[in-house]
């Protein structure tokens, strides 16, 4: 796990996820402008914090949690934000 991945996980833990999966997709973007290594991620996060929120508000919560990392360390973040019921955990 890279330092950025560890910090990303810590930032997302503030949303109290019941499930969290991080995937570093940086190797798929080799040569892509802005790819400085460890900069493209896919996140699957399941949290009660998303209950009754539209998708855009869920994404805003995620971006608020990881905001500082988006400035320098993360170039692209693909987000799947679900409630436990939507993810089949209830």
PDB file of N, CA and C in Angstrom:
ATOM      1  N   UNK A   1       0.845  -1.175   0.000  1.00  0.00           N
ATOM      2  CA  UNK A   1       0.000   0.000   0.000  1.00  0.00           C
ATOM      3  C   UNK A   1       0.890   1.238   0.000  1.00  0.00           C
ATOM      4  N   UNK A   2       0.616   2.163  -0.915  1.00  0.00           N
ATOM      5  CA  UNK A   2       1.420   3.377  -1.000  1.00  0.00           C
ATOM      6  C   UNK A   2       1.019   4.355   0.103  1.00  0.00           C
ATOM      7  N   UNK A   3       1.861   5.350   0.319  1.00  0.00           N
ATOM      8  CA  UNK A   3       1.564   6.380   1.306  1.00  0.00           C
ATOM      9  C   UNK A   3       0.266   7.107   0.942  1.00  0.00           C
ATOM     10  N   UNK A   4       0.069   7.393  -0.325  1.00  0.00           N
ATOM     11  CA  UNK A   4      -1.155   8.064  -0.764  1.00  0.00           C
ATOM     12  C   UNK A   4      -2.367   7.185  -0.505  1.00  0.00           C
ATOM     13  N   UNK A   5      -2.253   5.902  -0.775  1.00  0.00           N
ATOM     14  CA  UNK A   5      -3.357   4.980  -0.529  1.00  0.00           C
ATOM     15  C   UNK A   5      -3.687   4.935   0.954  1.00  0.00           C
ATOM     16  N   UNK A   6      -2.681   4.902   1.793  1.00  0.00           N
ATOM     17  CA  UNK A   6      -2.883   4.884   3.244  1.00  0.00           C
ATOM     18  C   UNK A   6      -3.589   6.161   3.703  1.00  0.00           C
ATOM     19  N   UNK A   7      -3.158   7.302   3.173  1.00  0.00           N
ATOM     20  CA  UNK A   7      -3.784   8.577   3.547  1.00  0.00           C
ATOM     21  C   UNK A   7      -5.204   8.683   2.998  1.00  0.00           C
ATOM     22  N   UNK A   8      -5.432   8.134   1.809  1.00  0.00           N
ATOM     23  CA  UNK A   8      -6.775   8.116   1.228  1.00  0.00           C
ATOM     24  C   UNK A   8      -7.708   7.283   2.104  1.00  0.00           C
ATOM     25  N   UNK A   9      -7.239   6.126   2.508  1.00  0.00           N
ATOM     26  CA  UNK A   9      -8.044   5.262   3.372  1.00  0.00           C
ATOM     27  C   UNK A   9      -8.363   5.963   4.690  1.00  0.00           C
ATOM     28  N   UNK A  10      -7.384   6.603   5.298  1.00  0.00           N
ATOM     29  CA  UNK A  10      -7.604   7.317   6.557  1.00  0.00           C
ATOM     30  C   UNK A  10      -8.630   8.435   6.385  1.00  0.00           C
ATOM     31  N   UNK A  11      -8.536   9.167   5.279  1.00  0.00           N
ATOM     32  CA  UNK A  11      -9.483  10.252   5.022  1.00  0.00           C
ATOM     33  C   UNK A  11     -10.902   9.711   4.853  1.00  0.00           C
ATOM     34  N   UNK A  12     -11.047   8.615   4.135  1.00  0.00           N
ATOM     35  CA  UNK A  12     -12.370   8.036   3.905  1.00  0.00           C
ATOM     36  C   UNK A  12     -12.942   7.386   5.155  1.00  0.00           C
ATOM     37  N   UNK A  13     -12.089   6.965   6.064  1.00  0.00           N
ATOM     38  CA  UNK A  13     -12.568   6.377   7.320  1.00  0.00           C
ATOM     39  C   UNK A  13     -13.355   7.371   8.154  1.00  0.00           C
ATOM     40  N   UNK A  14     -13.212   8.675   7.880  1.00  0.00           N
ATOM     41  CA  UNK A  14     -13.988   9.682   8.603  1.00  0.00           C
ATOM     42  C   UNK A  14     -15.474   9.578   8.274  1.00  0.00           C
ATOM     43  N   UNK A  15     -15.815   8.883   7.192  1.00  0.00           N
ATOM     44  CA  UNK A  15     -17.217   8.670   6.814  1.00  0.00           C
ATOM     45  C   UNK A  15     -17.785   7.395   7.424  1.00  0.00           C
ATOM     46  N   UNK A  16     -17.024   6.752   8.299  1.00  0.00           N
ATOM     47  CA  UNK A  16     -17.445   5.530   8.991  1.00  0.00           C
ATOM     48  C   UNK A  16     -17.989   4.462   8.047  1.00  0.00           C
ATOM     49  N   UNK A  17     -17.194   4.062   7.071  1.00  0.00           N
ATOM     50  CA  UNK A  17     -17.684   3.068   6.111  1.00  0.00           C
ATOM     51  C   UNK A  17     -17.870   1.690   6.742  1.00  0.00           C
ATOM     52  N   UNK A  18     -18.912   0.995   6.277  1.00  0.00           N
ATOM     53  CA  UNK A  18     -19.085  -0.402   6.662  1.00  0.00           C
ATOM     54  C   UNK A  18     -18.340  -1.296   5.677  1.00  0.00           C
ATOM     55  N   UNK A  19     -17.995  -0.732   4.535  1.00  0.00           N
ATOM     56  CA  UNK A  19     -17.176  -1.417   3.528  1.00  0.00           C
ATOM     57  C   UNK A  19     -16.400  -0.348   2.778  1.00  0.00           C
ATOM     58  N   UNK A  20     -15.121  -0.615   2.540  1.00  0.00           N
ATOM     59  CA  UNK A  20     -14.279   0.321   1.802  1.00  0.00           C
ATOM     60  C   UNK A  20     -13.291  -0.472   0.971  1.00  0.00           C
ATOM     61  N   UNK A  21     -13.283  -0.180  -0.322  1.00  0.00           N
ATOM     62  CA  UNK A  21     -12.335  -0.822  -1.237  1.00  0.00           C
ATOM     63  C   UNK A  21     -11.640   0.276  -2.040  1.00  0.00           C
ATOM     64  N   UNK A  22     -10.323   0.233  -2.039  1.00  0.00           N
ATOM     65  CA  UNK A  22      -9.522   1.191  -2.802  1.00  0.00           C
ATOM     66  C   UNK A  22      -8.731   0.437  -3.848  1.00  0.00           C
ATOM     67  N   UNK A  23      -8.724   0.968  -5.046  1.00  0.00           N
ATOM     68  CA  UNK A  23      -7.944   0.365  -6.118  1.00  0.00           C
ATOM     69  C   UNK A  23      -7.088   1.451  -6.755  1.00  0.00           C
ATOM     70  N   UNK A  24      -5.788   1.220  -6.803  1.00  0.00           N
ATOM     71  CA  UNK A  24      -4.858   2.141  -7.438  1.00  0.00           C
ATOM     72  C   UNK A  24      -4.829   1.806  -8.931  1.00  0.00           C
ATOM     73  N   UNK A  25      -5.378   2.692  -9.734  1.00  0.00           N
ATOM     74  CA  UNK A  25      -5.476   2.492 -11.185  1.00  0.00           C
ATOM     75  C   UNK A  25      -4.381   3.222 -11.951  1.00  0.00           C
ATOM     76  N   UNK A  26      -3.391   3.723 -11.257  1.00  0.00           N
ATOM     77  CA  UNK A  26      -2.372   4.572 -11.882  1.00  0.00           C
ATOM     78  C   UNK A  26      -1.652   3.891 -13.038  1.00  0.00           C
ATOM     79  N   UNK A  27      -1.374   2.601 -12.912  1.00  0.00           N
ATOM     80  CA  UNK A  27      -0.655   1.887 -13.968  1.00  0.00           C
ATOM     81  C   UNK A  27      -1.440   1.884 -15.280  1.00  0.00           C
ATOM     82  N   UNK A  28      -2.761   1.974 -15.185  1.00  0.00           N
ATOM     83  CA  UNK A  28      -3.597   1.995 -16.386  1.00  0.00           C
ATOM     84  C   UNK A  28      -3.505   3.325 -17.123  1.00  0.00           C
ATOM     85  N   UNK A  29      -2.929   4.320 -16.454  1.00  0.00           N
ATOM     86  CA  UNK A  29      -2.871   5.664 -17.021  1.00  0.00           C
ATOM     87  C   UNK A  29      -1.443   6.132 -17.281  1.00  0.00           C
ATOM     88  N   UNK A  30      -0.529   5.199 -17.416  1.00  0.00           N
ATOM     89  CA  UNK A  30       0.874   5.547 -17.689  1.00  0.00           C
ATOM     90  C   UNK A  30       0.941   6.408 -18.945  1.00  0.00           C
ATOM     91  N   UNK A  31       1.669   7.504 -18.852  1.00  0.00           N
ATOM     92  CA  UNK A  31       1.805   8.411 -19.982  1.00  0.00           C
ATOM     93  C   UNK A  31       0.714   9.462 -20.072  1.00  0.00           C
ATOM     94  N   UNK A  32      -0.315   9.314 -19.278  1.00  0.00           N
ATOM     95  CA  UNK A  32      -1.423  10.266 -19.257  1.00  0.00           C
ATOM     96  C   UNK A  32      -0.987  11.544 -18.550  1.00  0.00           C
ATOM     97  N   UNK A  33      -1.336  12.685 -19.085  1.00  0.00           N
ATOM     98  CA  UNK A  33      -0.986  13.966 -18.465  1.00  0.00           C
ATOM     99  C   UNK A  33      -1.516  14.005 -17.036  1.00  0.00           C
ATOM    100  N   UNK A  34      -0.681  14.412 -16.122  1.00  0.00           N
ATOM    101  CA  UNK A  34      -1.077  14.506 -14.720  1.00  0.00           C
ATOM    102  C   UNK A  34      -0.799  13.260 -13.919  1.00  0.00           C
ATOM    103  N   UNK A  35      -0.426  12.176 -14.589  1.00  0.00           N
ATOM    104  CA  UNK A  35      -0.144  10.938 -13.862  1.00  0.00           C
ATOM    105  C   UNK A  35       1.268  11.000 -13.302  1.00  0.00           C
ATOM    106  N   UNK A  36       1.349  11.180 -12.022  1.00  0.00           N
ATOM    107  CA  UNK A  36       2.647  11.261 -11.348  1.00  0.00           C
ATOM    108  C   UNK A  36       2.906  10.018 -10.518  1.00  0.00           C
ATOM    109  N   UNK A  37       2.140   8.970 -10.731  1.00  0.00           N
ATOM    110  CA  UNK A  37       2.273   7.737  -9.958  1.00  0.00           C
ATOM    111  C   UNK A  37       1.402   7.803  -8.721  1.00  0.00           C
ATOM    112  N   UNK A  38       0.597   6.772  -8.526  1.00  0.00           N
ATOM    113  CA  UNK A  38      -0.281   6.745  -7.363  1.00  0.00           C
ATOM    114  C   UNK A  38      -1.340   7.830  -7.409  1.00  0.00           C
ATOM    115  N   UNK A  39      -1.755   8.213  -8.600  1.00  0.00           N
ATOM    116  CA  UNK A  39      -2.637   9.366  -8.680  1.00  0.00           C
ATOM    117  C   UNK A  39      -4.043   9.083  -9.220  1.00  0.00           C
ATOM    118  N   UNK A  40      -4.316   7.870  -9.656  1.00  0.00           N
ATOM    119  CA  UNK A  40      -5.630   7.509 -10.171  1.00  0.00           C
ATOM    120  C   UNK A  40      -6.198   6.387  -9.296  1.00  0.00           C
ATOM    121  N   UNK A  41      -7.384   6.621  -8.727  1.00  0.00           N
ATOM    122  CA  UNK A  41      -7.966   5.639  -7.817  1.00  0.00           C
ATOM    123  C   UNK A  41      -9.430   5.389  -8.124  1.00  0.00           C
ATOM    124  N   UNK A  42      -9.869   4.164  -7.821  1.00  0.00           N
ATOM    125  CA  UNK A  42     -11.279   3.806  -7.795  1.00  0.00           C
ATOM    126  C   UNK A  42     -11.616   3.497  -6.345  1.00  0.00           C
ATOM    127  N   UNK A  43     -12.720   4.064  -5.877  1.00  0.00           N
ATOM    128  CA  UNK A  43     -13.155   3.878  -4.494  1.00  0.00           C
ATOM    129  C   UNK A  43     -14.566   3.319  -4.484  1.00  0.00           C
ATOM    130  N   UNK A  44     -14.753   2.259  -3.745  1.00  0.00           N
ATOM    131  CA  UNK A  44     -16.093   1.758  -3.433  1.00  0.00           C
ATOM    132  C   UNK A  44     -16.246   1.966  -1.936  1.00  0.00           C
ATOM    133  N   UNK A  45     -17.196   2.803  -1.558  1.00  0.00           N
ATOM    134  CA  UNK A  45     -17.399   3.110  -0.152  1.00  0.00           C
ATOM    135  C   UNK A  45     -18.880   2.941   0.184  1.00  0.00           C
ATOM    136  N   UNK A  46     -19.124   2.234   1.271  1.00  0.00           N
ATOM    137  CA  UNK A  46     -20.479   1.982   1.745  1.00  0.00           C
ATOM    138  C   UNK A  46     -20.588   2.582   3.139  1.00  0.00           C
ATOM    139  N   UNK A  47     -21.567   3.460   3.315  1.00  0.00           N
ATOM    140  CA  UNK A  47     -21.699   4.146   4.600  1.00  0.00           C
ATOM    141  C   UNK A  47     -23.139   4.575   4.838  1.00  0.00           C
ATOM    142  N   UNK A  48     -23.548   4.549   6.085  1.00  0.00           N
ATOM    143  CA  UNK A  48     -24.860   5.080   6.470  1.00  0.00           C
ATOM    144  C   UNK A  48     -24.921   6.578   6.210  1.00  0.00           C
ATOM    145  N   UNK A  49     -23.763   7.236   6.135  1.00  0.00           N
ATOM    146  CA  UNK A  49     -23.716   8.680   5.890  1.00  0.00           C
ATOM    147  C   UNK A  49     -24.366   9.057   4.559  1.00  0.00           C
ATOM    148  N   UNK A  50     -24.519   8.106   3.639  1.00  0.00           N
ATOM    149  CA  UNK A  50     -25.093   8.377   2.327  1.00  0.00           C
ATOM    150  C   UNK A  50     -26.608   8.195   2.271  1.00  0.00           C
ATOM    151  N   UNK A  51     -27.193   7.749   3.367  1.00  0.00           N
ATOM    152  CA  UNK A  51     -28.629   7.499   3.408  1.00  0.00           C
ATOM    153  C   UNK A  51     -29.409   8.773   3.086  1.00  0.00           C
ATOM    154  N   UNK A  52     -30.358   8.647   2.186  1.00  0.00           N
ATOM    155  CA  UNK A  52     -31.245   9.736   1.754  1.00  0.00           C
ATOM    156  C   UNK A  52     -30.532  10.871   1.022  1.00  0.00           C
ATOM    157  N   UNK A  53     -29.313  10.630   0.535  1.00  0.00           N
ATOM    158  CA  UNK A  53     -28.590  11.648  -0.218  1.00  0.00           C
ATOM    159  C   UNK A  53     -28.559  11.298  -1.699  1.00  0.00           C
ATOM    160  N   UNK A  54     -28.712  12.321  -2.539  1.00  0.00           N
ATOM    161  CA  UNK A  54     -28.548  12.133  -3.974  1.00  0.00           C
ATOM    162  C   UNK A  54     -27.087  11.818  -4.269  1.00  0.00           C
ATOM    163  N   UNK A  55     -26.834  11.230  -5.414  1.00  0.00           N
ATOM    164  CA  UNK A  55     -25.484  10.838  -5.806  1.00  0.00           C
ATOM    165  C   UNK A  55     -24.499  12.001  -5.730  1.00  0.00           C
ATOM    166  N   UNK A  56     -24.886  13.168  -6.210  1.00  0.00           N
ATOM    167  CA  UNK A  56     -23.987  14.320  -6.200  1.00  0.00           C
ATOM    168  C   UNK A  56     -23.602  14.714  -4.779  1.00  0.00           C
ATOM    169  N   UNK A  57     -24.529  14.605  -3.836  1.00  0.00           N
ATOM    170  CA  UNK A  57     -24.219  14.941  -2.446  1.00  0.00           C
ATOM    171  C   UNK A  57     -23.320  13.875  -1.814  1.00  0.00           C
ATOM    172  N   UNK A  58     -23.487  12.642  -2.213  1.00  0.00           N
ATOM    173  CA  UNK A  58     -22.605  11.573  -1.731  1.00  0.00           C
ATOM    174  C   UNK A  58     -21.169  11.833  -2.197  1.00  0.00           C
ATOM    175  N   UNK A  59     -21.041  12.186  -3.471  1.00  0.00           N
ATOM    176  CA  UNK A  59     -19.716  12.473  -4.017  1.00  0.00           C
ATOM    177  C   UNK A  59     -19.100  13.697  -3.341  1.00  0.00           C
ATOM    178  N   UNK A  60     -19.921  14.692  -3.061  1.00  0.00           N
ATOM    179  CA  UNK A  60     -19.401  15.868  -2.350  1.00  0.00           C
ATOM    180  C   UNK A  60     -18.859  15.494  -0.976  1.00  0.00           C
ATOM    181  N   UNK A  61     -19.560  14.602  -0.265  1.00  0.00           N
ATOM    182  CA  UNK A  61     -19.062  14.141   1.037  1.00  0.00           C
ATOM    183  C   UNK A  61     -17.704  13.473   0.892  1.00  0.00           C
ATOM    184  N   UNK A  62     -17.565  12.645  -0.125  1.00  0.00           N
ATOM    185  CA  UNK A  62     -16.293  11.955  -0.354  1.00  0.00           C
ATOM    186  C   UNK A  62     -15.203  12.978  -0.676  1.00  0.00           C
ATOM    187  N   UNK A  63     -15.496  13.909  -1.580  1.00  0.00           N
ATOM    188  CA  UNK A  63     -14.502  14.922  -1.940  1.00  0.00           C
ATOM    189  C   UNK A  63     -14.139  15.822  -0.760  1.00  0.00           C
ATOM    190  N   UNK A  64     -15.097  16.118   0.098  1.00  0.00           N
ATOM    191  CA  UNK A  64     -14.788  16.892   1.306  1.00  0.00           C
ATOM    192  C   UNK A  64     -13.831  16.113   2.202  1.00  0.00           C
ATOM    193  N   UNK A  65     -14.043  14.814   2.308  1.00  0.00           N
ATOM    194  CA  UNK A  65     -13.187  13.982   3.165  1.00  0.00           C
ATOM    195  C   UNK A  65     -11.757  13.887   2.630  1.00  0.00           C
ATOM    196  N   UNK A  66     -11.608  13.860   1.322  1.00  0.00           N
ATOM    197  CA  UNK A  66     -10.276  13.663   0.723  1.00  0.00           C
ATOM    198  C   UNK A  66      -9.713  14.942   0.109  1.00  0.00           C
ATOM    199  N   UNK A  67     -10.356  16.057   0.358  1.00  0.00           N
ATOM    200  CA  UNK A  67     -10.033  17.329  -0.280  1.00  0.00           C
ATOM    201  C   UNK A  67      -8.561  17.657  -0.411  1.00  0.00           C
ATOM    202  N   UNK A  68      -7.811  17.574   0.669  1.00  0.00           N
ATOM    203  CA  UNK A  68      -6.392  17.942   0.627  1.00  0.00           C
ATOM    204  C   UNK A  68      -5.595  17.030  -0.305  1.00  0.00           C
ATOM    205  N   UNK A  69      -5.977  15.772  -0.383  1.00  0.00           N
ATOM    206  CA  UNK A  69      -5.268  14.833  -1.257  1.00  0.00           C
ATOM    207  C   UNK A  69      -5.520  15.153  -2.734  1.00  0.00           C
ATOM    208  N   UNK A  70      -6.682  15.718  -3.038  1.00  0.00           N
ATOM    209  CA  UNK A  70      -7.022  16.029  -4.425  1.00  0.00           C
ATOM    210  C   UNK A  70      -6.196  17.189  -4.968  1.00  0.00           C
ATOM    211  N   UNK A  71      -5.636  17.997  -4.094  1.00  0.00           N
ATOM    212  CA  UNK A  71      -4.854  19.154  -4.520  1.00  0.00           C
ATOM    213  C   UNK A  71      -3.540  18.732  -5.169  1.00  0.00           C
ATOM    214  N   UNK A  72      -2.896  17.713  -4.612  1.00  0.00           N
ATOM    215  CA  UNK A  72      -1.563  17.351  -5.087  1.00  0.00           C
ATOM    216  C   UNK A  72      -1.386  15.859  -5.381  1.00  0.00           C
ATOM    217  N   UNK A  73      -1.905  15.001  -4.514  1.00  0.00           N
ATOM    218  CA  UNK A  73      -1.582  13.579  -4.560  1.00  0.00           C
ATOM    219  C   UNK A  73      -2.476  12.735  -5.471  1.00  0.00           C
ATOM    220  N   UNK A  74      -3.706  13.161  -5.670  1.00  0.00           N
ATOM    221  CA  UNK A  74      -4.651  12.373  -6.466  1.00  0.00           C
ATOM    222  C   UNK A  74      -5.105  13.205  -7.659  1.00  0.00           C
ATOM    223  N   UNK A  75      -4.937  12.640  -8.838  1.00  0.00           N
ATOM    224  CA  UNK A  75      -5.332  13.314 -10.076  1.00  0.00           C
ATOM    225  C   UNK A  75      -6.776  12.967 -10.449  1.00  0.00           C
ATOM    226  N   UNK A  76      -7.166  11.699 -10.246  1.00  0.00           N
ATOM    227  CA  UNK A  76      -8.502  11.247 -10.629  1.00  0.00           C
ATOM    228  C   UNK A  76      -9.037  10.268  -9.593  1.00  0.00           C
ATOM    229  N   UNK A  77     -10.327  10.411  -9.294  1.00  0.00           N
ATOM    230  CA  UNK A  77     -10.975   9.560  -8.300  1.00  0.00           C
ATOM    231  C   UNK A  77     -12.325   9.121  -8.845  1.00  0.00           C
ATOM    232  N   UNK A  78     -12.467   7.817  -9.076  1.00  0.00           N
ATOM    233  CA  UNK A  78     -13.738   7.248  -9.495  1.00  0.00           C
ATOM    234  C   UNK A  78     -14.433   6.755  -8.234  1.00  0.00           C
ATOM    235  N   UNK A  79     -15.673   7.194  -8.021  1.00  0.00           N
ATOM    236  CA  UNK A  79     -16.363   6.937  -6.754  1.00  0.00           C
ATOM    237  C   UNK A  79     -17.638   6.140  -6.973  1.00  0.00           C
ATOM    238  N   UNK A  80     -17.791   5.074  -6.180  1.00  0.00           N
ATOM    239  CA  UNK A  80     -19.060   4.375  -6.035  1.00  0.00           C
ATOM    240  C   UNK A  80     -19.429   4.516  -4.564  1.00  0.00           C
ATOM    241  N   UNK A  81     -20.426   5.337  -4.272  1.00  0.00           N
ATOM    242  CA  UNK A  81     -20.839   5.610  -2.898  1.00  0.00           C
ATOM    243  C   UNK A  81     -22.240   5.061  -2.684  1.00  0.00           C
ATOM    244  N   UNK A  82     -22.345   4.079  -1.797  1.00  0.00           N
ATOM    245  CA  UNK A  82     -23.615   3.388  -1.593  1.00  0.00           C
ATOM    246  C   UNK A  82     -23.956   3.301  -0.110  1.00  0.00           C
ATOM    247  N   UNK A  83     -25.242   3.110   0.161  1.00  0.00           N
ATOM    248  CA  UNK A  83     -25.670   2.814   1.524  1.00  0.00           C
ATOM    249  C   UNK A  83     -25.514   1.319   1.750  1.00  0.00           C
ATOM    250  N   UNK A  84     -25.486   0.874   2.998  1.00  0.00           N
ATOM    251  CA  UNK A  84     -25.408  -0.570   3.243  1.00  0.00           C
ATOM    252  C   UNK A  84     -26.550  -1.345   2.574  1.00  0.00           C
ATOM    253  N   UNK A  85     -27.763  -0.796   2.583  1.00  0.00           N
ATOM    254  CA  UNK A  85     -28.907  -1.478   1.953  1.00  0.00           C
ATOM    255  C   UNK A  85     -28.693  -1.622   0.449  1.00  0.00           C
ATOM    256  N   UNK A  86     -28.187  -0.584  -0.199  1.00  0.00           N
ATOM    257  CA  UNK A  86     -27.940  -0.635  -1.637  1.00  0.00           C
ATOM    258  C   UNK A  86     -26.837  -1.633  -1.985  1.00  0.00           C
ATOM    259  N   UNK A  87     -25.900  -1.793  -1.074  1.00  0.00           N
ATOM    260  CA  UNK A  87     -24.771  -2.688  -1.301  1.00  0.00           C
ATOM    261  C   UNK A  87     -25.087  -4.126  -0.890  1.00  0.00           C
ATOM    262  N   UNK A  88     -26.238  -4.320  -0.254  1.00  0.00           N
ATOM    263  CA  UNK A  88     -26.660  -5.660   0.167  1.00  0.00           C
ATOM    264  C   UNK A  88     -26.119  -6.083   1.517  1.00  0.00           C
ATOM    265  N   UNK A  89     -25.803  -5.112   2.369  1.00  0.00           N
ATOM    266  CA  UNK A  89     -25.279  -5.432   3.696  1.00  0.00           C
ATOM    267  C   UNK A  89     -26.362  -5.475   4.762  1.00  0.00           C
ATOM    268  N   UNK A  90     -27.588  -5.117   4.400  1.00  0.00           N
ATOM    269  CA  UNK A  90     -28.697  -5.167   5.377  1.00  0.00           C
ATOM    270  C   UNK A  90     -29.640  -6.277   5.038  1.00  0.00           C
TER     271      UNK A  90
END
